[in-house]
Amino acid sequence: IIDNTESPHRPHIEEEEEEEEEEEEEDEEEDEEEEEEEEEEEEEEEEEEEGLNHQRNI
């Protein structure tokens, strides 16, 4: 098997690989942001529920 990925005759492949890596990194960042938003929303909901429970107990 010959590895041509470093070959100067195929620079477009390296570019494609770099673009794919960048896209994957962006996707991961977006996923992390979405997870953080979801966690914040869950915390807010829990706080609201605790607040409602507290009001009921008064």
PDB file of N, CA and C in Angstrom:
ATOM      1  N   ILE A   1       0.862  -1.188   0.000  1.00  0.00           N
ATOM      2  CA  ILE A   1       0.000   0.000   0.000  1.00  0.00           C
ATOM      3  C   ILE A   1       0.898   1.237   0.000  1.00  0.00           C
ATOM      4  N   ILE A   2       0.578   2.144  -0.892  1.00  0.00           N
ATOM      5  CA  ILE A   2       1.348   3.386  -0.980  1.00  0.00           C
ATOM      6  C   ILE A   2       0.493   4.518  -0.437  1.00  0.00           C
ATOM      7  N   ASP A   3       1.075   5.284   0.478  1.00  0.00           N
ATOM      8  CA  ASP A   3       0.358   6.403   1.074  1.00  0.00           C
ATOM      9  C   ASP A   3       0.623   7.656   0.250  1.00  0.00           C
ATOM     10  N   ASN A   4      -0.376   8.097  -0.491  1.00  0.00           N
ATOM     11  CA  ASN A   4      -0.210   9.277  -1.340  1.00  0.00           C
ATOM     12  C   ASN A   4      -0.760  10.553  -0.703  1.00  0.00           C
ATOM     13  N   THR A   5      -1.171  10.496   0.543  1.00  0.00           N
ATOM     14  CA  THR A   5      -1.799  11.675   1.142  1.00  0.00           C
ATOM     15  C   THR A   5      -0.837  12.835   1.292  1.00  0.00           C
ATOM     16  N   GLU A   6       0.477  12.548   1.374  1.00  0.00           N
ATOM     17  CA  GLU A   6       1.470  13.615   1.502  1.00  0.00           C
ATOM     18  C   GLU A   6       2.044  14.000   0.133  1.00  0.00           C
ATOM     19  N   SER A   7       1.556  13.385  -0.901  1.00  0.00           N
ATOM     20  CA  SER A   7       2.097  13.607  -2.236  1.00  0.00           C
ATOM     21  C   SER A   7       1.785  15.014  -2.738  1.00  0.00           C
ATOM     22  N   PRO A   8       2.787  15.692  -3.312  1.00  0.00           N
ATOM     23  CA  PRO A   8       2.546  17.041  -3.845  1.00  0.00           C
ATOM     24  C   PRO A   8       1.611  17.029  -5.049  1.00  0.00           C
ATOM     25  N   HIS A   9       1.403  15.852  -5.613  1.00  0.00           N
ATOM     26  CA  HIS A   9       0.525  15.755  -6.777  1.00  0.00           C
ATOM     27  C   HIS A   9      -0.944  15.742  -6.385  1.00  0.00           C
ATOM     28  N   ARG A  10      -1.210  15.656  -5.091  1.00  0.00           N
ATOM     29  CA  ARG A  10      -2.603  15.564  -4.653  1.00  0.00           C
ATOM     30  C   ARG A  10      -2.877  16.543  -3.511  1.00  0.00           C
ATOM     31  N   PRO A  11      -2.575  17.804  -3.701  1.00  0.00           N
ATOM     32  CA  PRO A  11      -2.785  18.760  -2.600  1.00  0.00           C
ATOM     33  C   PRO A  11      -4.256  18.949  -2.254  1.00  0.00           C
ATOM     34  N   HIS A  12      -5.121  18.712  -3.228  1.00  0.00           N
ATOM     35  CA  HIS A  12      -6.548  18.904  -2.969  1.00  0.00           C
ATOM     36  C   HIS A  12      -7.053  17.934  -1.906  1.00  0.00           C
ATOM     37  N   ILE A  13      -6.429  16.778  -1.815  1.00  0.00           N
ATOM     38  CA  ILE A  13      -6.849  15.806  -0.797  1.00  0.00           C
ATOM     39  C   ILE A  13      -6.509  16.341   0.590  1.00  0.00           C
ATOM     40  N   GLU A  14      -5.322  16.912   0.739  1.00  0.00           N
ATOM     41  CA  GLU A  14      -4.950  17.494   2.028  1.00  0.00           C
ATOM     42  C   GLU A  14      -5.921  18.610   2.392  1.00  0.00           C
ATOM     43  N   GLU A  15      -6.275  19.433   1.409  1.00  0.00           N
ATOM     44  CA  GLU A  15      -7.223  20.527   1.666  1.00  0.00           C
ATOM     45  C   GLU A  15      -8.566  19.969   2.115  1.00  0.00           C
ATOM     46  N   GLU A  16      -9.017  18.933   1.445  1.00  0.00           N
ATOM     47  CA  GLU A  16     -10.293  18.324   1.803  1.00  0.00           C
ATOM     48  C   GLU A  16     -10.243  17.774   3.221  1.00  0.00           C
ATOM     49  N   GLU A  17      -9.124  17.127   3.557  1.00  0.00           N
ATOM     50  CA  GLU A  17      -8.995  16.561   4.895  1.00  0.00           C
ATOM     51  C   GLU A  17      -9.002  17.677   5.939  1.00  0.00           C
ATOM     52  N   GLU A  18      -8.308  18.769   5.652  1.00  0.00           N
ATOM     53  CA  GLU A  18      -8.282  19.899   6.582  1.00  0.00           C
ATOM     54  C   GLU A  18      -9.684  20.474   6.755  1.00  0.00           C
ATOM     55  N   GLU A  19     -10.400  20.605   5.635  1.00  0.00           N
ATOM     56  CA  GLU A  19     -11.772  21.137   5.708  1.00  0.00           C
ATOM     57  C   GLU A  19     -12.658  20.206   6.537  1.00  0.00           C
ATOM     58  N   GLU A  20     -12.497  18.909   6.333  1.00  0.00           N
ATOM     59  CA  GLU A  20     -13.295  17.947   7.097  1.00  0.00           C
ATOM     60  C   GLU A  20     -12.988  18.061   8.586  1.00  0.00           C
ATOM     61  N   GLU A  21     -11.693  18.189   8.912  1.00  0.00           N
ATOM     62  CA  GLU A  21     -11.301  18.316  10.320  1.00  0.00           C
ATOM     63  C   GLU A  21     -11.908  19.591  10.918  1.00  0.00           C
ATOM     64  N   GLU A  22     -11.851  20.685  10.162  1.00  0.00           N
ATOM     65  CA  GLU A  22     -12.414  21.948  10.651  1.00  0.00           C
ATOM     66  C   GLU A  22     -13.918  21.811  10.869  1.00  0.00           C
ATOM     67  N   GLU A  23     -14.595  21.160   9.926  1.00  0.00           N
ATOM     68  CA  GLU A  23     -16.040  20.967  10.061  1.00  0.00           C
ATOM     69  C   GLU A  23     -16.361  20.123  11.291  1.00  0.00           C
ATOM     70  N   GLU A  24     -15.551  19.079  11.506  1.00  0.00           N
ATOM     71  CA  GLU A  24     -15.776  18.226  12.672  1.00  0.00           C
ATOM     72  C   GLU A  24     -15.594  19.028  13.953  1.00  0.00           C
ATOM     73  N   GLU A  25     -14.546  19.864  13.992  1.00  0.00           N
ATOM     74  CA  GLU A  25     -14.304  20.686  15.176  1.00  0.00           C
ATOM     75  C   GLU A  25     -15.472  21.645  15.406  1.00  0.00           C
ATOM     76  N   GLU A  26     -15.956  22.253  14.326  1.00  0.00           N
ATOM     77  CA  GLU A  26     -17.099  23.175  14.445  1.00  0.00           C
ATOM     78  C   GLU A  26     -18.323  22.428  14.953  1.00  0.00           C
ATOM     79  N   ASP A  27     -18.547  21.230  14.420  1.00  0.00           N
ATOM     80  CA  ASP A  27     -19.690  20.425  14.854  1.00  0.00           C
ATOM     81  C   ASP A  27     -19.575  20.103  16.343  1.00  0.00           C
ATOM     82  N   GLU A  28     -18.352  19.746  16.774  1.00  0.00           N
ATOM     83  CA  GLU A  28     -18.152  19.426  18.186  1.00  0.00           C
ATOM     84  C   GLU A  28     -18.425  20.648  19.054  1.00  0.00           C
ATOM     85  N   GLU A  29     -17.951  21.810  18.594  1.00  0.00           N
ATOM     86  CA  GLU A  29     -18.183  23.038  19.358  1.00  0.00           C
ATOM     87  C   GLU A  29     -19.679  23.333  19.448  1.00  0.00           C
ATOM     88  N   GLU A  30     -20.384  23.154  18.336  1.00  0.00           N
ATOM     89  CA  GLU A  30     -21.831  23.390  18.330  1.00  0.00           C
ATOM     90  C   GLU A  30     -22.528  22.423  19.282  1.00  0.00           C
ATOM     91  N   ASP A  31     -22.098  21.166  19.267  1.00  0.00           N
ATOM     92  CA  ASP A  31     -22.689  20.170  20.157  1.00  0.00           C
ATOM     93  C   ASP A  31     -22.475  20.561  21.614  1.00  0.00           C
ATOM     94  N   GLU A  32     -21.249  21.022  21.921  1.00  0.00           N
ATOM     95  CA  GLU A  32     -20.949  21.424  23.297  1.00  0.00           C
ATOM     96  C   GLU A  32     -21.827  22.610  23.705  1.00  0.00           C
ATOM     97  N   GLU A  33     -21.995  23.575  22.793  1.00  0.00           N
ATOM     98  CA  GLU A  33     -22.827  24.738  23.098  1.00  0.00           C
ATOM     99  C   GLU A  33     -24.265  24.309  23.338  1.00  0.00           C
ATOM    100  N   GLU A  34     -24.761  23.402  22.507  1.00  0.00           N
ATOM    101  CA  GLU A  34     -26.133  22.922  22.667  1.00  0.00           C
ATOM    102  C   GLU A  34     -26.299  22.219  24.004  1.00  0.00           C
ATOM    103  N   GLU A  35     -25.301  21.404  24.386  1.00  0.00           N
ATOM    104  CA  GLU A  35     -25.372  20.701  25.661  1.00  0.00           C
ATOM    105  C   GLU A  35     -25.408  21.699  26.817  1.00  0.00           C
ATOM    106  N   GLU A  36     -24.563  22.727  26.731  1.00  0.00           N
ATOM    107  CA  GLU A  36     -24.529  23.740  27.792  1.00  0.00           C
ATOM    108  C   GLU A  36     -25.878  24.450  27.890  1.00  0.00           C
ATOM    109  N   GLU A  37     -26.461  24.789  26.740  1.00  0.00           N
ATOM    110  CA  GLU A  37     -27.768  25.459  26.740  1.00  0.00           C
ATOM    111  C   GLU A  37     -28.823  24.557  27.371  1.00  0.00           C
ATOM    112  N   GLU A  38     -28.792  23.272  27.016  1.00  0.00           N
ATOM    113  CA  GLU A  38     -29.771  22.338  27.564  1.00  0.00           C
ATOM    114  C   GLU A  38     -29.613  22.234  29.083  1.00  0.00           C
ATOM    115  N   GLU A  39     -28.357  22.182  29.547  1.00  0.00           N
ATOM    116  CA  GLU A  39     -28.118  22.080  30.985  1.00  0.00           C
ATOM    117  C   GLU A  39     -28.641  23.327  31.694  1.00  0.00           C
ATOM    118  N   GLU A  40     -28.399  24.503  31.095  1.00  0.00           N
ATOM    119  CA  GLU A  40     -28.871  25.748  31.689  1.00  0.00           C
ATOM    120  C   GLU A  40     -30.397  25.752  31.763  1.00  0.00           C
ATOM    121  N   GLU A  41     -31.047  25.297  30.683  1.00  0.00           N
ATOM    122  CA  GLU A  41     -32.503  25.255  30.665  1.00  0.00           C
ATOM    123  C   GLU A  41     -33.023  24.313  31.749  1.00  0.00           C
ATOM    124  N   GLU A  42     -32.366  23.163  31.899  1.00  0.00           N
ATOM    125  CA  GLU A  42     -32.787  22.202  32.921  1.00  0.00           C
ATOM    126  C   GLU A  42     -32.642  22.813  34.309  1.00  0.00           C
ATOM    127  N   GLU A  43     -31.517  23.512  34.534  1.00  0.00           N
ATOM    128  CA  GLU A  43     -31.305  24.143  35.839  1.00  0.00           C
ATOM    129  C   GLU A  43     -32.376  25.191  36.108  1.00  0.00           C
ATOM    130  N   GLU A  44     -32.706  25.982  35.081  1.00  0.00           N
ATOM    131  CA  GLU A  44     -33.741  27.012  35.247  1.00  0.00           C
ATOM    132  C   GLU A  44     -35.078  26.367  35.576  1.00  0.00           C
ATOM    133  N   GLU A  45     -35.402  25.267  34.875  1.00  0.00           N
ATOM    134  CA  GLU A  45     -36.663  24.579  35.144  1.00  0.00           C
ATOM    135  C   GLU A  45     -36.697  24.054  36.571  1.00  0.00           C
ATOM    136  N   GLU A  46     -35.561  23.483  37.018  1.00  0.00           N
ATOM    137  CA  GLU A  46     -35.499  22.958  38.382  1.00  0.00           C
ATOM    138  C   GLU A  46     -35.686  24.091  39.387  1.00  0.00           C
ATOM    139  N   GLU A  47     -35.038  25.230  39.129  1.00  0.00           N
ATOM    140  CA  GLU A  47     -35.174  26.374  40.037  1.00  0.00           C
ATOM    141  C   GLU A  47     -36.620  26.860  40.077  1.00  0.00           C
ATOM    142  N   GLU A  48     -37.273  26.882  38.903  1.00  0.00           N
ATOM    143  CA  GLU A  48     -38.676  27.305  38.859  1.00  0.00           C
ATOM    144  C   GLU A  48     -39.539  26.337  39.663  1.00  0.00           C
ATOM    145  N   GLU A  49     -39.276  25.046  39.490  1.00  0.00           N
ATOM    146  CA  GLU A  49     -40.057  24.043  40.236  1.00  0.00           C
ATOM    147  C   GLU A  49     -39.825  24.208  41.732  1.00  0.00           C
ATOM    148  N   GLU A  50     -38.581  24.427  42.127  1.00  0.00           N
ATOM    149  CA  GLU A  50     -38.283  24.612  43.546  1.00  0.00           C
ATOM    150  C   GLU A  50     -38.995  25.863  44.066  1.00  0.00           C
ATOM    151  N   GLY A  51     -39.012  26.898  43.256  1.00  0.00           N
ATOM    152  CA  GLY A  51     -39.697  28.129  43.640  1.00  0.00           C
ATOM    153  C   GLY A  51     -41.191  27.889  43.796  1.00  0.00           C
ATOM    154  N   LEU A  52     -41.775  27.139  42.875  1.00  0.00           N
ATOM    155  CA  LEU A  52     -43.202  26.839  42.960  1.00  0.00           C
ATOM    156  C   LEU A  52     -43.480  25.985  44.190  1.00  0.00           C
ATOM    157  N   ASN A  53     -42.632  25.020  44.447  1.00  0.00           N
ATOM    158  CA  ASN A  53     -42.817  24.170  45.625  1.00  0.00           C
ATOM    159  C   ASN A  53     -42.711  25.005  46.890  1.00  0.00           C
ATOM    160  N   HIS A  54     -41.803  25.930  46.902  1.00  0.00           N
ATOM    161  CA  HIS A  54     -41.612  26.790  48.077  1.00  0.00           C
ATOM    162  C   HIS A  54     -42.864  27.641  48.297  1.00  0.00           C
ATOM    163  N   GLN A  55     -43.419  28.159  47.199  1.00  0.00           N
ATOM    164  CA  GLN A  55     -44.619  28.990  47.312  1.00  0.00           C
ATOM    165  C   GLN A  55     -45.789  28.157  47.831  1.00  0.00           C
ATOM    166  N   ARG A  56     -45.895  26.926  47.382  1.00  0.00           N
ATOM    167  CA  ARG A  56     -46.978  26.055  47.827  1.00  0.00           C
ATOM    168  C   ARG A  56     -46.868  25.761  49.310  1.00  0.00           C
ATOM    169  N   ASN A  57     -45.640  25.672  49.796  1.00  0.00           N
ATOM    170  CA  ASN A  57     -45.424  25.306  51.205  1.00  0.00           C
ATOM    171  C   ASN A  57     -45.749  26.450  52.147  1.00  0.00           C
ATOM    172  N   ILE A  58     -45.825  27.664  51.631  1.00  0.00           N
ATOM    173  CA  ILE A  58     -46.081  28.815  52.507  1.00  0.00           C
ATOM    174  C   ILE A  58     -47.555  28.865  52.871  1.00  0.00           C
TER     175      ILE A  58
END
